[in-house]
Amino acid sequence: MPDKDAKKIINHVFSDLIKWTYEDAVFHLTQIFNFTDEESDQLIKEYDILTSATKEVIMNPPPSFEATAPRDVNDYKSNLWQARKLLLEAKKLISATALTPRDYHNQKDFEEAIVQRMELQVNFVNINKYIDDHLTFAKNYTPPGK
């Protein structure tokens, strides 16, 4: 695969919205993509995965929930949890059928489909990060339980 395409895939898979530790990166490469430990080490070093994907992302601007009643914040949190559940279901449905090179007219089309699938995975990660950020902010505006 050309280096340019490999870097594009790496950048999409290892989103800068996540602070990747070495262990996280190795786990992701070995468990999700079935690389060996040695191949994972090589990819981490060759594509500088850890230093290029460890920028801290701060939600800007953060919500204040000043105009929102506490019950509304609870409803908002409930909706976020429901969105996470539906997102997980969507990921499972999309991944239910594994496509192979034989499902495409040529190898180039298959490789492009893999790149698109990686981009989709990044979008799922970004949505989950959004949900996490909003749940964290909402938690600070939820009245304590009785």
Protein backbone atom coordinates (compact mmCIF):
# COMPACT_ATOMS: atom_id res chain seq x y z
CA MET A 1 0.00 0.00 0.00
CA PRO A 2 1.36 3.45 -0.78
CA ASP A 3 2.73 5.34 2.23
CA LYS A 4 0.24 8.18 1.67
CA ASP A 5 -2.72 5.78 1.93
CA ALA A 6 -1.23 4.05 4.97
CA LYS A 7 -0.81 7.39 6.76
CA LYS A 8 -4.39 8.33 5.90
CA ILE A 9 -5.68 5.11 7.43
CA ILE A 10 -3.49 5.50 10.54
CA ASN A 11 -4.71 9.08 11.06
CA HIS A 12 -8.32 7.97 10.77
CA VAL A 13 -7.96 4.95 13.01
CA PHE A 14 -5.95 6.72 15.70
CA SER A 15 -8.07 9.82 16.12
CA ASP A 16 -6.47 12.78 17.86
CA LEU A 17 -9.62 12.98 20.01
CA ILE A 18 -8.23 10.13 22.09
CA LYS A 19 -5.08 10.17 24.20
CA TRP A 20 -3.60 6.87 23.03
CA THR A 21 -1.30 5.09 25.42
CA TYR A 22 1.12 2.49 24.15
CA GLU A 23 -1.02 -0.27 25.66
CA ASP A 24 -4.20 1.14 24.07
CA ALA A 25 -2.57 1.34 20.66
CA VAL A 26 -1.20 -2.21 20.87
CA PHE A 27 -4.56 -3.54 22.06
CA HIS A 28 -6.36 -1.74 19.22
CA LEU A 29 -3.93 -3.04 16.60
CA THR A 30 -3.86 -6.62 17.89
CA GLN A 31 -7.47 -7.11 18.94
CA ILE A 32 -9.30 -5.04 16.33
CA PHE A 33 -7.00 -5.43 13.33
CA ASN A 34 -5.32 -8.75 14.19
CA PHE A 35 -1.73 -7.50 13.92
CA THR A 36 0.90 -9.37 15.90
CA ASP A 37 2.70 -7.63 18.78
CA GLU A 38 5.78 -7.23 16.59
CA GLU A 39 3.77 -5.72 13.72
CA SER A 40 2.05 -3.39 16.19
CA ASP A 41 5.39 -2.18 17.54
CA GLN A 42 6.60 -1.57 14.01
CA LEU A 43 3.46 0.40 13.06
CA ILE A 44 3.58 2.48 16.25
CA LYS A 45 7.20 3.43 15.60
CA GLU A 46 6.97 3.83 11.83
CA TYR A 47 3.83 6.01 11.85
CA ASP A 48 4.49 7.83 15.13
CA ILE A 49 1.03 6.90 16.39
CA LEU A 50 1.51 7.95 19.99
CA THR A 51 2.97 11.42 19.47
CA SER A 52 0.69 12.35 16.58
CA ALA A 53 -2.51 11.37 18.36
CA THR A 54 -2.19 12.64 21.90
CA LYS A 55 -3.46 16.22 21.67
CA GLU A 56 -5.92 17.03 24.44
CA VAL A 57 -9.33 18.07 23.18
CA ILE A 58 -11.34 20.45 25.30
CA MET A 59 -15.02 20.93 24.64
CA ASN A 60 -15.40 24.48 23.45
CA PRO A 61 -17.61 26.14 24.44
CA PRO A 62 -18.74 24.00 27.35
CA PRO A 63 -22.47 24.05 28.13
CA SER A 64 -23.57 25.85 31.30
CA PHE A 65 -27.12 24.44 31.51
CA GLU A 66 -28.09 27.70 33.26
CA ALA A 67 -31.43 27.91 31.45
CA THR A 68 -32.17 24.22 31.90
CA ALA A 69 -34.15 22.74 34.77
CA PRO A 70 -32.47 19.87 36.66
CA ARG A 71 -35.12 17.46 35.33
CA ASP A 72 -34.21 18.55 31.79
CA VAL A 73 -30.54 17.77 32.47
CA ASN A 74 -31.56 14.28 33.60
CA ASP A 75 -33.61 13.87 30.41
CA TYR A 76 -30.62 15.06 28.39
CA LYS A 77 -28.35 12.52 30.09
CA SER A 78 -30.91 9.78 29.47
CA ASN A 79 -31.05 10.73 25.78
CA LEU A 80 -27.25 10.63 25.56
CA TRP A 81 -27.18 7.12 27.06
CA GLN A 82 -29.90 6.02 24.63
CA ALA A 83 -27.90 7.51 21.74
CA ARG A 84 -24.85 5.54 22.85
CA LYS A 85 -26.90 2.33 22.92
CA LEU A 86 -28.29 2.96 19.42
CA LEU A 87 -24.81 3.84 18.15
CA LEU A 88 -23.50 0.52 19.44
CA GLU A 89 -26.38 -1.26 17.70
CA ALA A 90 -25.60 0.57 14.45
CA LYS A 91 -21.93 -0.45 14.66
CA LYS A 92 -22.90 -4.08 15.18
CA LEU A 93 -25.30 -4.03 12.23
CA ILE A 94 -22.78 -2.41 9.91
CA SER A 95 -20.09 -4.89 10.96
CA ALA A 96 -22.36 -7.96 10.82
CA THR A 97 -21.34 -8.86 7.28
CA ALA A 98 -17.65 -8.92 6.50
CA LEU A 99 -16.92 -8.01 2.90
CA THR A 100 -13.97 -9.58 1.11
CA PRO A 101 -12.00 -8.63 -2.01
CA ARG A 102 -14.25 -11.00 -3.99
CA ASP A 103 -17.20 -8.69 -3.25
CA TYR A 104 -15.60 -5.92 -5.33
CA HIS A 105 -14.68 -5.52 -8.97
CA ASN A 106 -10.98 -5.07 -8.18
CA GLN A 107 -8.47 -4.78 -5.35
CA LYS A 108 -8.39 -0.98 -5.55
CA ASP A 109 -12.14 -0.76 -4.91
CA PHE A 110 -11.79 -3.14 -1.98
CA GLU A 111 -8.98 -1.05 -0.47
CA GLU A 112 -11.05 2.12 -0.88
CA ALA A 113 -13.91 0.39 0.92
CA ILE A 114 -11.55 -0.43 3.79
CA VAL A 115 -10.46 3.22 4.00
CA GLN A 116 -14.11 4.28 4.08
CA ARG A 117 -14.83 1.75 6.81
CA MET A 118 -11.93 3.17 8.84
CA GLU A 119 -13.34 6.66 8.36
CA LEU A 120 -16.70 5.40 9.57
CA GLN A 121 -15.01 3.92 12.65
CA VAL A 122 -13.43 7.31 13.37
CA ASN A 123 -16.87 8.92 13.12
CA PHE A 124 -18.22 6.43 15.66
CA VAL A 125 -15.32 7.28 17.98
CA ASN A 126 -15.98 11.01 17.52
CA ILE A 127 -19.68 10.62 18.33
CA ASN A 128 -18.85 8.56 21.43
CA LYS A 129 -16.37 11.23 22.50
CA TYR A 130 -19.06 13.89 22.04
CA ILE A 131 -21.47 11.84 24.17
CA ASP A 132 -18.80 11.34 26.86
CA ASP A 133 -18.01 15.04 26.98
CA HIS A 134 -21.66 16.02 27.31
CA LEU A 135 -22.31 13.36 29.96
CA THR A 136 -19.36 14.69 31.95
CA PHE A 137 -20.60 18.26 31.77
CA ALA A 138 -24.21 17.24 32.53
CA LYS A 139 -23.08 15.29 35.60
CA ASN A 140 -21.94 18.55 37.21
CA TYR A 141 -25.42 20.02 36.81
CA THR A 142 -27.42 17.08 38.07
CA PRO A 143 -28.79 17.48 41.59
CA PRO A 144 -27.62 14.82 44.06
CA GLY A 145 -29.97 11.86 44.59
CA LYS A 146 -32.19 11.78 47.65
